[in-house]
C-alpha atoms as a PDB file:
ATOM      1  CA  MET A   1     182.041 -36.323 -86.589  1.00  0.00           C
ATOM      2  CA  SER A   2     185.565 -37.544 -87.233  1.00  0.00           C
ATOM      3  CA  VAL A   3     186.883 -34.129 -86.198  1.00  0.00           C
ATOM      4  CA  LEU A   4     186.009 -35.032 -82.595  1.00  0.00           C
ATOM      5  CA  ILE A   5     188.802 -37.592 -82.671  1.00  0.00           C
ATOM      6  CA  TYR A   6     191.214 -34.646 -82.858  1.00  0.00           C
ATOM      7  CA  LEU A   7     189.371 -32.056 -80.798  1.00  0.00           C
ATOM      8  CA  ILE A   8     188.749 -34.116 -77.650  1.00  0.00           C
ATOM      9  CA  PRO A   9     192.431 -34.985 -77.010  1.00  0.00           C
ATOM     10  CA  ILE A  10     193.448 -31.393 -77.765  1.00  0.00           C
ATOM     11  CA  ALA A  11     190.855 -30.093 -75.298  1.00  0.00           C
ATOM     12  CA  LEU A  12     191.968 -32.573 -72.637  1.00  0.00           C
ATOM     13  CA  PHE A  13     195.611 -31.617 -73.164  1.00  0.00           C
ATOM     14  CA  MET A  14     194.850 -27.900 -72.899  1.00  0.00           C
ATOM     15  CA  GLY A  15     192.760 -28.471 -69.770  1.00  0.00           C
ATOM     16  CA  GLY A  16     195.584 -30.461 -68.197  1.00  0.00           C
ATOM     17  CA  LEU A  17     198.041 -27.736 -69.141  1.00  0.00           C
ATOM     18  CA  GLY A  18     195.832 -25.122 -67.466  1.00  0.00           C
ATOM     19  CA  LEU A  19     195.516 -27.273 -64.359  1.00  0.00           C
ATOM     20  CA  ALA A  20     199.279 -27.761 -64.229  1.00  0.00           C
ATOM     21  CA  ALA A  21     199.834 -24.005 -64.529  1.00  0.00           C
ATOM     22  CA  PHE A  22     197.344 -23.362 -61.726  1.00  0.00           C
ATOM     23  CA  LEU A  23     198.984 -25.922 -59.439  1.00  0.00           C
ATOM     24  CA  TRP A  24     202.406 -24.430 -60.206  1.00  0.00           C
ATOM     25  CA  ALA A  25     201.083 -20.975 -59.280  1.00  0.00           C
ATOM     26  CA  LEU A  26     199.756 -22.346 -55.991  1.00  0.00           C
ATOM     27  CA  LYS A  27     203.084 -23.962 -55.111  1.00  0.00           C
ATOM     28  CA  SER A  28     205.142 -20.898 -56.031  1.00  0.00           C
ATOM     29  CA  GLY A  29     203.138 -18.618 -53.724  1.00  0.00           C
ATOM     30  CA  GLN A  30     201.255 -16.525 -56.272  1.00  0.00           C
ATOM     31  CA  PHE A  31     198.133 -16.495 -54.097  1.00  0.00           C
ATOM     32  CA  ASP A  32     199.674 -15.928 -50.663  1.00  0.00           C
ATOM     33  CA  ASP A  33     198.403 -12.366 -50.159  1.00  0.00           C
ATOM     34  CA  PRO A  34     195.323 -11.752 -52.312  1.00  0.00           C
ATOM     35  CA  GLU A  35     193.983  -8.906 -50.127  1.00  0.00           C
ATOM     36  CA  GLY A  36     197.250  -7.059 -49.511  1.00  0.00           C
ATOM     37  CA  ALA A  37     197.272  -4.964 -52.668  1.00  0.00           C
ATOM     38  CA  ALA A  38     193.571  -4.176 -52.336  1.00  0.00           C
ATOM     39  CA  GLU A  39     194.071  -2.825 -48.817  1.00  0.00           C
ATOM     40  CA  ARG A  40     197.427  -1.167 -49.529  1.00  0.00           C
ATOM     41  CA  ILE A  41     195.844   1.250 -51.982  1.00  0.00           C
ATOM     42  CA  LEU A  42     193.606   2.587 -49.212  1.00  0.00           C
ATOM     43  CA  LEU A  43     196.497   3.565 -46.932  1.00  0.00           C
ATOM     44  CA  ASP A  44     197.600   7.201 -46.947  1.00  0.00           C
ATOM     45  CA  ASP A  45     201.368   6.784 -46.611  1.00  0.00           C
ATOM     46  CA  ASP A  46     202.111   9.799 -48.794  1.00  0.00           C
ATOM     47  CA  LEU A  47     200.289  12.172 -46.400  1.00  0.00           C
ATOM     48  CA  GLU A  48     203.105  11.787 -43.849  1.00  0.00           C
ATOM     49  CA  GLU A  49     205.649  12.993 -46.407  1.00  0.00           C
ATOM     50  CA  GLN A  50     203.654  16.168 -47.129  1.00  0.00           C
ATOM     51  CA  ASP A  51     203.685  17.275 -43.469  1.00  0.00           C
ATOM     52  CA  ASP A  52     207.474  17.859 -43.499  1.00  0.00           C
END
């Protein structure tokens, strides 16, 4: 039971660290274009180069 005295603050610190990292990622623009890469793979840009 006395181990909880150590584990609870460690868990709260790690949760706060994860939250801080997530908020930093939001502010730095990591999630600005979540669908761009998924749609970009469907485009056939290399077909235009083969026609030459």
